[in-house]
Amino acid sequence: MAKKARLRVDEFGIGFPPRLIGIRKKNVILRESRACGTTKDTAHKRTGFFTAFRMTNWEVVWGHPVRGKTPEASADALGHRTSNGVDPHAGGTLYSINLFPFGGFVRIKGESGNERLDQDSFASRGAGVRIMIAAAGVLMNALLAVVLIAAGYRLGFPQAISDQPSKYAQISDQHIEVMGVLPDSPAAQSGLNVGDRILAVGVASETAALRELQNSEDFRNVTKELVGESVTLVVESDKVRREIQVTPKILEQTGKAGIGVAIVDAAIVRYPLWVALPKAFETVGILAKTIVVAFADIVRDALLGRPVTAELAGPVGIAVLTGQAARMGFVFLLQFIAILSINLAILNVLPIPALDGGRILFILIEKLRRRPVAVKVEMMIQQISFVLLLLLIIFVTYRDLGRYGGRITEFFKNMVQ
């Protein structure tokens, strides 16, 4: 968006600073004086005083420039000053990888409010253009989520089919799936887990073949009929089948006969593209609303001094959960990345300085006051907010290490073996 508005993009970063490494194009202008005739290097006939051509190569930038230090400088053959440091306006856009792997950023010339007279400066544009540029990242995150969800609907999402699916839905791999297990129930004691598929059932004392189940209602009827008898269940998890023994009984929690599981009829449901796309927009809207409500609950609990019970995940937790989603299958990974993208969109649009929403807030304040906020004041607020945000990331990462440390250790042990 910034480049379309003909602004200079100094850096496109993955993660939050400090910078670890970056790469950018470096332009070198070679000139050769000629009174007339053919230039040997360019093989072009010239009648002027000189010929010129541009040669592009790449330079690697390591680390973050130290405040107060002047980059080492040298002169090229033409007397132009070149720098081994990071001049923000030299060469092309710097593509960088930063220390904290949480989101990303775009650094545009003039974001600090300076250089208002330069045509390629962010500060030279009107409020409307600046708001559109600041909101571009949020919109791209939301659009990415729509594309990923639409791809999932096209490839086939596993979902409950209790309700009558659309007439355009293509259903395959229909099965009974465990959605919940009551603590201390026969199901819990037998080792039945959330996500298991129940394929067949039979009486353990009988040698007759196991009975395949058609749907969840069929399973409920069987367990009601076999209260007090040892029952064999054939279940599947991670494409591995196993048999378990369980005895249905009258459950204390519900007063009904069963083994203490919540089950649902599930299947792989695919949609044609022209149906998948509108459904993706609808799904992203529902997910966004759910995330906003959850975030509001977190803020409310924090302000009221209540313990925050919501499960927050930082970079470590996200990495662990991404690995789990990848092991479940490609479609699950698409779904997880889409949810992450929606989370980032909502987080970035919040009116918090150091985020896109905070920048939009300052632009709106400038519009109302008819003059910009003092550069020093804005920079101080942005820096304080950035430090607080990094402290939050560090805190959540510390919690993640306590929660997932065992899994991470086990992962590296398996790699070494």
Protein backbone atom coordinates (compact mmCIF):
# COMPACT_ATOMS: atom_id res chain seq x y z
CA MET A 1 0.00 0.00 0.00
CA ALA A 2 2.82 2.42 0.92
CA LYS A 3 4.67 1.72 -2.32
CA LYS A 4 1.47 2.18 -4.33
CA ALA A 5 1.21 5.61 -2.70
CA ARG A 6 4.80 6.25 -3.90
CA LEU A 7 6.22 6.38 -0.41
CA ARG A 8 9.68 5.15 0.46
CA VAL A 9 9.59 1.92 2.46
CA ASP A 10 12.82 1.76 4.45
CA GLU A 11 12.29 -1.62 6.10
CA PHE A 12 9.96 -4.60 6.00
CA GLY A 13 10.54 -6.65 9.13
CA ILE A 14 9.42 -10.08 10.32
CA GLY A 15 9.14 -10.08 14.11
CA PHE A 16 9.86 -7.20 16.48
CA PRO A 17 13.29 -5.47 16.85
CA PRO A 18 16.11 -5.61 17.68
CA ARG A 19 17.16 -6.69 14.22
CA LEU A 20 19.11 -9.90 13.74
CA ILE A 21 19.83 -9.77 10.01
CA GLY A 22 18.56 -7.99 6.93
CA ILE A 23 19.13 -7.85 3.21
CA ARG A 24 18.52 -5.10 0.67
CA LYS A 25 19.43 -4.00 -2.82
CA LYS A 26 22.32 -1.57 -3.13
CA ASN A 27 22.49 0.58 -6.23
CA VAL A 28 25.87 1.57 -7.63
CA ILE A 29 26.08 4.21 -10.37
CA LEU A 30 29.00 3.81 -12.73
CA ARG A 31 29.81 6.75 -14.98
CA GLU A 32 32.35 6.99 -17.76
CA SER A 33 33.26 10.25 -19.49
CA ARG A 34 33.24 10.32 -23.25
CA ALA A 35 33.51 13.21 -25.60
CA CYS A 36 31.85 11.17 -28.31
CA GLY A 37 31.96 7.78 -29.93
CA THR A 38 31.14 4.31 -28.68
CA THR A 39 31.53 3.39 -25.00
CA LYS A 40 33.36 0.12 -24.52
CA ASP A 41 31.46 -0.97 -21.39
CA THR A 42 27.95 -0.32 -22.59
CA ALA A 43 28.39 -0.83 -26.33
CA HIS A 44 26.11 2.16 -26.89
CA LYS A 45 27.01 5.04 -29.19
CA ARG A 46 26.96 8.37 -27.33
CA THR A 47 27.63 11.90 -28.49
CA GLY A 48 27.31 13.57 -25.09
CA PHE A 49 29.80 14.08 -22.29
CA PHE A 50 29.29 10.79 -20.44
CA THR A 51 27.37 7.59 -20.30
CA ALA A 52 25.85 6.09 -17.15
CA PHE A 53 24.33 2.80 -16.20
CA ARG A 54 23.06 1.29 -12.93
CA MET A 55 24.27 -2.02 -11.52
CA THR A 56 22.26 -3.59 -8.69
CA ASN A 57 23.66 -5.97 -6.09
CA TRP A 58 22.69 -7.04 -2.59
CA GLU A 59 24.12 -6.18 0.79
CA VAL A 60 23.58 -8.01 4.06
CA VAL A 61 22.97 -5.97 7.20
CA TRP A 62 23.84 -7.65 10.48
CA GLY A 63 22.33 -6.61 13.78
CA HIS A 64 20.87 -3.30 14.84
CA PRO A 65 22.78 0.00 14.61
CA VAL A 66 24.06 1.17 17.99
CA ARG A 67 22.55 4.48 19.07
CA GLY A 68 25.10 7.29 18.98
CA LYS A 69 27.58 5.41 16.78
CA THR A 70 28.32 6.68 13.28
CA PRO A 71 28.40 3.96 10.62
CA GLU A 72 31.75 3.39 8.98
CA ALA A 73 31.82 5.37 5.77
CA SER A 74 34.00 5.33 2.71
CA ALA A 75 34.00 6.95 -0.69
CA ASP A 76 33.45 5.13 -3.93
CA ALA A 77 35.38 5.75 -7.11
CA LEU A 78 33.17 8.69 -7.98
CA GLY A 79 33.52 10.37 -4.60
CA HIS A 80 30.02 9.43 -3.42
CA ARG A 81 29.75 8.59 0.27
CA THR A 82 28.82 4.98 0.99
CA SER A 83 28.09 3.40 4.35
CA ASN A 84 28.67 0.01 5.89
CA GLY A 85 26.03 0.81 8.50
CA VAL A 86 22.28 1.09 8.01
CA ASP A 87 21.38 4.38 6.39
CA PRO A 88 17.56 4.18 6.33
CA HIS A 89 17.30 6.02 3.03
CA ALA A 90 20.16 4.31 1.17
CA GLY A 91 19.53 1.60 -1.38
CA GLY A 92 16.29 -0.34 -1.56
CA THR A 93 13.91 -1.66 1.08
CA LEU A 94 15.63 -3.56 3.89
CA TYR A 95 14.01 -6.97 4.45
CA SER A 96 14.85 -8.00 8.00
CA ILE A 97 14.40 -10.80 10.53
CA ASN A 98 14.10 -9.59 14.12
CA LEU A 99 14.61 -11.07 17.57
CA PHE A 100 11.01 -11.37 18.78
CA PRO A 101 9.04 -13.61 16.34
CA PHE A 102 5.69 -11.94 16.93
CA GLY A 103 4.02 -10.30 13.93
CA GLY A 104 5.95 -7.86 11.80
CA PHE A 105 6.24 -4.22 10.81
CA VAL A 106 6.82 -1.82 7.92
CA ARG A 107 9.03 1.23 8.48
CA ILE A 108 8.16 4.08 6.12
CA LYS A 109 10.06 7.29 5.58
CA GLY A 110 8.53 10.15 7.58
CA GLU A 111 6.60 8.04 10.11
CA SER A 112 8.08 10.11 12.93
CA GLY A 113 6.46 13.26 11.54
CA ASN A 114 9.66 14.65 10.04
CA GLU A 115 10.46 15.17 6.36
CA ARG A 116 7.02 16.63 5.63
CA LEU A 117 8.31 18.39 2.53
CA ASP A 118 9.58 15.21 0.84
CA GLN A 119 7.12 13.76 -1.66
CA ASP A 120 8.04 10.17 -0.75
CA SER A 121 7.46 10.78 2.97
CA PHE A 122 4.56 9.39 5.03
CA ALA A 123 4.27 12.75 6.79
CA SER A 124 3.60 14.54 3.49
CA ARG A 125 0.32 12.69 2.87
CA GLY A 126 -3.18 13.60 4.02
CA ALA A 127 -4.89 11.96 6.99
CA GLY A 128 -7.05 9.69 4.81
CA VAL A 129 -4.10 8.23 2.91
CA ARG A 130 -2.11 7.72 6.12
CA ILE A 131 -5.03 5.90 7.77
CA MET A 132 -5.40 3.63 4.73
CA ILE A 133 -1.67 2.82 4.83
CA ALA A 134 -1.75 2.17 8.59
CA ALA A 135 -4.78 -0.11 8.20
CA ALA A 136 -3.32 -2.03 5.23
CA GLY A 137 -1.60 -4.60 7.45
CA VAL A 138 -4.81 -5.27 9.36
CA LEU A 139 -6.75 -5.72 6.13
CA MET A 140 -4.10 -8.06 4.71
CA ASN A 141 -4.24 -10.24 7.84
CA ALA A 142 -8.02 -10.44 7.56
CA LEU A 143 -7.82 -11.17 3.83
CA LEU A 144 -5.23 -13.91 4.42
CA ALA A 145 -7.60 -15.54 6.92
CA VAL A 146 -10.43 -15.45 4.35
CA VAL A 147 -8.21 -17.03 1.68
CA LEU A 148 -7.01 -19.80 4.02
CA ILE A 149 -10.51 -20.60 5.31
CA ALA A 150 -11.85 -20.62 1.73
CA ALA A 151 -9.06 -23.02 0.73
CA GLY A 152 -9.99 -25.22 3.68
CA TYR A 153 -13.65 -25.30 2.66
CA ARG A 154 -12.59 -26.17 -0.89
CA LEU A 155 -10.22 -28.95 0.19
CA GLY A 156 -12.58 -30.21 2.87
CA PHE A 157 -12.90 -29.26 6.54
CA PRO A 158 -13.77 -31.88 9.15
CA GLN A 159 -16.94 -30.58 10.80
CA ALA A 160 -20.08 -31.64 12.61
CA ILE A 161 -22.99 -32.49 10.33
CA SER A 162 -25.77 -32.50 12.92
CA ASP A 163 -27.47 -29.72 11.00
CA GLN A 164 -28.59 -30.25 7.44
CA PRO A 165 -25.61 -29.24 5.28
CA SER A 166 -25.91 -27.08 2.20
CA LYS A 167 -27.19 -28.81 -0.90
CA TYR A 168 -23.86 -27.94 -2.53
CA ALA A 169 -21.83 -29.72 0.18
CA GLN A 170 -19.83 -32.79 -0.82
CA ILE A 171 -19.70 -35.12 2.22
CA SER A 172 -17.17 -37.91 2.70
CA ASP A 173 -15.54 -39.89 5.51
CA GLN A 174 -18.60 -39.71 7.78
CA HIS A 175 -17.87 -40.93 11.32
CA ILE A 176 -18.68 -40.58 15.03
CA GLU A 177 -16.20 -38.36 16.87
CA VAL A 178 -15.66 -37.85 20.60
CA MET A 179 -15.99 -34.15 21.50
CA GLY A 180 -15.75 -34.45 25.28
CA VAL A 181 -15.14 -36.95 28.09
CA LEU A 182 -16.60 -36.63 31.60
CA PRO A 183 -14.02 -36.97 34.40
CA ASP A 184 -14.17 -40.24 36.35
CA SER A 185 -16.64 -41.69 33.84
CA PRO A 186 -16.39 -45.17 32.28
CA ALA A 187 -15.11 -43.52 29.10
CA ALA A 188 -12.35 -41.66 30.95
CA GLN A 189 -11.33 -44.80 32.84
CA SER A 190 -11.14 -46.82 29.62
CA GLY A 191 -8.78 -44.33 27.96
CA LEU A 192 -11.20 -42.79 25.47
CA ASN A 193 -9.94 -39.35 24.39
CA VAL A 194 -11.29 -36.26 22.70
CA GLY A 195 -10.84 -36.62 18.94
CA ASP A 196 -11.14 -40.41 18.91
CA ARG A 197 -13.39 -41.95 16.28
CA ILE A 198 -15.82 -44.66 17.42
CA LEU A 199 -16.13 -47.19 14.60
CA ALA A 200 -17.85 -50.28 16.02
CA VAL A 201 -19.30 -51.78 19.19
CA GLY A 202 -19.94 -55.26 20.52
CA VAL A 203 -20.57 -57.20 23.73
CA ALA A 204 -17.24 -58.39 25.13
CA SER A 205 -18.67 -61.76 26.26
CA GLU A 206 -19.99 -62.62 22.80
CA THR A 207 -17.89 -63.95 19.95
CA ALA A 208 -20.14 -62.47 17.28
CA ALA A 209 -18.71 -59.89 14.91
CA LEU A 210 -18.60 -56.31 16.08
CA ARG A 211 -21.42 -54.11 14.90
CA GLU A 212 -20.51 -51.10 12.79
CA LEU A 213 -22.17 -47.88 13.90
CA GLN A 214 -24.11 -45.71 11.47
CA ASN A 215 -24.39 -42.51 13.47
CA SER A 216 -24.22 -41.06 16.99
CA GLU A 217 -27.86 -41.93 17.73
CA ASP A 218 -27.11 -45.57 16.93
CA PHE A 219 -24.27 -45.51 19.48
CA ARG A 220 -26.45 -43.94 22.19
CA ASN A 221 -29.13 -46.61 21.71
CA VAL A 222 -26.57 -49.41 22.00
CA THR A 223 -25.06 -48.06 25.23
CA LYS A 224 -28.54 -47.70 26.76
CA GLU A 225 -29.33 -51.33 25.91
CA LEU A 226 -26.06 -52.64 27.35
CA VAL A 227 -26.02 -50.93 30.77
CA GLY A 228 -24.00 -53.03 33.20
CA GLU A 229 -22.40 -55.19 30.50
CA SER A 230 -18.78 -55.05 29.39
CA VAL A 231 -18.70 -53.55 25.91
CA THR A 232 -15.92 -53.60 23.32
CA LEU A 233 -15.40 -50.39 21.34
CA VAL A 234 -13.27 -50.12 18.23
CA VAL A 235 -11.82 -46.61 18.15
CA GLU A 236 -9.38 -44.87 15.83
CA SER A 237 -6.91 -42.12 16.67
CA ASP A 238 -4.18 -40.77 14.37
CA LYS A 239 -5.12 -43.51 11.87
CA VAL A 240 -4.35 -46.22 14.45
CA ARG A 241 -7.17 -48.56 15.51
CA ARG A 242 -7.47 -50.12 18.94
CA GLU A 243 -10.07 -51.93 21.03
CA ILE A 244 -11.08 -50.76 24.50
CA GLN A 245 -13.37 -52.25 27.13
CA VAL A 246 -16.00 -50.05 28.80
CA THR A 247 -19.11 -50.71 30.90
CA PRO A 248 -22.10 -48.35 30.41
CA LYS A 249 -23.88 -47.26 33.59
CA ILE A 250 -26.30 -44.65 34.96
CA LEU A 251 -24.11 -41.57 35.23
CA GLU A 252 -24.27 -39.51 38.42
CA GLN A 253 -23.56 -36.28 36.54
CA THR A 254 -26.49 -36.65 34.11
CA GLY A 255 -28.76 -39.32 35.58
CA LYS A 256 -28.81 -41.02 32.17
CA ALA A 257 -27.39 -44.28 30.85
CA GLY A 258 -24.12 -44.02 28.95
CA ILE A 259 -20.35 -44.10 29.23
CA GLY A 260 -19.78 -40.35 29.77
CA VAL A 261 -18.87 -38.99 26.35
CA ALA A 262 -20.11 -36.17 24.17
CA ILE A 263 -20.18 -37.39 20.58
CA VAL A 264 -21.08 -35.84 17.27
CA ASP A 265 -21.61 -36.99 13.71
CA ALA A 266 -18.69 -35.56 11.77
CA ALA A 267 -17.44 -35.75 8.20
CA ILE A 268 -15.15 -34.12 5.68
CA VAL A 269 -17.27 -31.46 3.96
CA ARG A 270 -16.16 -29.80 0.73
CA TYR A 271 -17.76 -26.89 -1.11
CA PRO A 272 -17.33 -25.50 -4.61
CA LEU A 273 -15.26 -22.32 -4.74
CA TRP A 274 -18.22 -20.01 -5.33
CA VAL A 275 -19.79 -21.33 -2.10
CA ALA A 276 -16.51 -21.62 -0.15
CA LEU A 277 -15.61 -17.94 -0.53
CA PRO A 278 -18.81 -16.44 1.00
CA LYS A 279 -18.70 -19.07 3.76
CA ALA A 280 -15.10 -18.06 4.48
CA PHE A 281 -16.11 -14.41 4.97
CA GLU A 282 -18.92 -15.55 7.28
CA THR A 283 -16.59 -17.82 9.27
CA VAL A 284 -13.92 -15.12 9.66
CA GLY A 285 -16.60 -12.75 10.96
CA ILE A 286 -17.76 -15.30 13.54
CA LEU A 287 -14.19 -16.06 14.64
CA ALA A 288 -13.35 -12.35 14.89
CA LYS A 289 -16.39 -11.72 17.07
CA THR A 290 -15.45 -14.64 19.33
CA ILE A 291 -11.87 -13.36 19.69
CA VAL A 292 -13.01 -9.80 20.46
CA VAL A 293 -15.38 -11.07 23.17
CA ALA A 294 -12.61 -13.21 24.68
CA PHE A 295 -10.20 -10.27 24.62
CA ALA A 296 -12.80 -8.02 26.27
CA ASP A 297 -13.24 -10.64 29.01
CA ILE A 298 -9.47 -10.66 29.61
CA VAL A 299 -9.35 -6.85 29.90
CA ARG A 300 -12.39 -6.82 32.20
CA ASP A 301 -10.92 -9.47 34.50
CA ALA A 302 -7.58 -7.64 34.60
CA LEU A 303 -9.21 -4.29 35.47
CA LEU A 304 -11.36 -5.89 38.18
CA GLY A 305 -8.39 -7.69 39.68
CA ARG A 306 -9.73 -11.11 38.82
CA PRO A 307 -7.40 -13.93 37.76
CA VAL A 308 -7.08 -14.11 33.99
CA THR A 309 -8.24 -17.64 33.16
CA ALA A 310 -7.98 -17.35 29.37
CA GLU A 311 -5.18 -19.33 27.76
CA LEU A 312 -2.71 -16.81 26.33
CA ALA A 313 0.06 -18.06 24.06
CA GLY A 314 3.25 -16.32 23.04
CA PRO A 315 5.86 -17.25 20.40
CA VAL A 316 6.77 -20.53 22.13
CA GLY A 317 3.15 -21.58 22.62
CA ILE A 318 2.29 -20.65 19.04
CA ALA A 319 5.20 -22.76 17.76
CA VAL A 320 4.07 -25.76 19.81
CA LEU A 321 0.44 -25.39 18.73
CA THR A 322 1.50 -24.96 15.09
CA GLY A 323 3.39 -28.25 15.31
CA GLN A 324 0.32 -29.96 16.75
CA ALA A 325 -1.89 -28.56 13.98
CA ALA A 326 0.61 -29.66 11.32
CA ARG A 327 0.62 -33.22 12.69
CA MET A 328 -3.19 -33.29 12.53
CA GLY A 329 -3.11 -32.52 8.81
CA PHE A 330 -2.70 -29.78 6.23
CA VAL A 331 -6.28 -28.52 6.51
CA PHE A 332 -5.94 -28.18 10.30
CA LEU A 333 -2.74 -26.19 9.76
CA LEU A 334 -4.58 -23.86 7.36
CA GLN A 335 -7.30 -23.36 9.94
CA PHE A 336 -4.81 -22.63 12.72
CA ILE A 337 -2.85 -20.10 10.63
CA ALA A 338 -6.13 -18.39 9.72
CA ILE A 339 -7.05 -18.05 13.40
CA LEU A 340 -3.57 -16.63 14.13
CA SER A 341 -4.01 -14.13 11.30
CA ILE A 342 -7.37 -12.98 12.70
CA ASN A 343 -5.79 -12.59 16.13
CA LEU A 344 -3.02 -10.43 14.66
CA ALA A 345 -5.53 -8.30 12.75
CA ILE A 346 -7.56 -7.62 15.89
CA LEU A 347 -4.45 -6.98 18.00
CA ASN A 348 -2.98 -4.54 15.48
CA VAL A 349 -6.17 -2.52 15.09
CA LEU A 350 -6.42 -1.84 18.83
CA PRO A 351 -5.73 1.85 19.66
CA ILE A 352 -2.48 1.02 21.43
CA PRO A 353 0.63 3.09 20.59
CA ALA A 354 3.33 1.06 18.80
CA LEU A 355 0.59 -0.82 16.90
CA ASP A 356 -1.24 0.15 13.70
CA GLY A 357 -4.32 1.12 15.68
CA GLY A 358 -2.21 3.47 17.79
CA ARG A 359 -0.88 5.18 14.68
CA ILE A 360 -4.44 5.61 13.40
CA LEU A 361 -5.38 7.08 16.79
CA PHE A 362 -2.63 9.73 16.52
CA ILE A 363 -3.77 10.61 12.99
CA LEU A 364 -7.37 11.04 14.20
CA ILE A 365 -6.18 13.23 17.09
CA GLU A 366 -4.24 15.32 14.57
CA LYS A 367 -7.38 15.64 12.44
CA LEU A 368 -9.45 16.81 15.42
CA ARG A 369 -6.80 19.23 16.73
CA ARG A 370 -5.94 20.41 13.20
CA ARG A 371 -2.29 20.07 14.08
CA PRO A 372 -0.11 17.03 14.69
CA VAL A 373 0.94 15.79 18.09
CA ALA A 374 4.44 16.99 18.95
CA VAL A 375 6.99 14.60 17.45
CA LYS A 376 8.88 14.16 20.73
CA VAL A 377 5.66 13.40 22.63
CA GLU A 378 4.47 10.88 20.05
CA MET A 379 7.87 9.17 19.88
CA MET A 380 8.07 8.93 23.68
CA ILE A 381 4.59 7.39 23.91
CA GLN A 382 5.38 4.96 21.08
CA GLN A 383 8.66 3.87 22.70
CA ILE A 384 7.11 3.36 26.14
CA SER A 385 4.27 1.34 24.62
CA PHE A 386 6.74 -0.71 22.60
CA VAL A 387 8.76 -1.56 25.72
CA LEU A 388 5.57 -2.56 27.58
CA LEU A 389 4.54 -4.73 24.63
CA LEU A 390 7.92 -6.48 24.63
CA LEU A 391 7.63 -7.06 28.40
CA LEU A 392 4.22 -8.64 27.81
CA ILE A 393 5.69 -10.92 25.13
CA ILE A 394 8.52 -11.92 27.49
CA PHE A 395 6.02 -12.65 30.28
CA VAL A 396 3.80 -14.78 28.04
CA THR A 397 6.89 -16.57 26.67
CA TYR A 398 7.96 -17.36 30.25
CA ARG A 399 4.51 -18.86 30.88
CA ASP A 400 4.76 -20.84 27.65
CA LEU A 401 8.09 -22.33 28.71
CA GLY A 402 6.53 -23.49 31.96
CA ARG A 403 3.52 -24.93 30.13
CA TYR A 404 5.21 -26.47 27.09
CA GLY A 405 8.81 -26.88 28.29
CA GLY A 406 8.45 -30.65 28.61
CA ARG A 407 7.21 -31.01 25.04
CA ILE A 408 10.05 -28.85 23.71
CA THR A 409 12.66 -30.88 25.61
CA GLU A 410 11.14 -34.12 24.32
CA PHE A 411 11.18 -32.74 20.76
CA PHE A 412 14.92 -32.00 20.89
CA LYS A 413 15.63 -35.37 22.52
CA ASN A 414 13.89 -37.10 19.62
CA MET A 415 15.96 -35.07 17.15
CA VAL A 416 19.22 -36.12 18.82
CA GLN A 417 18.31 -39.82 18.96
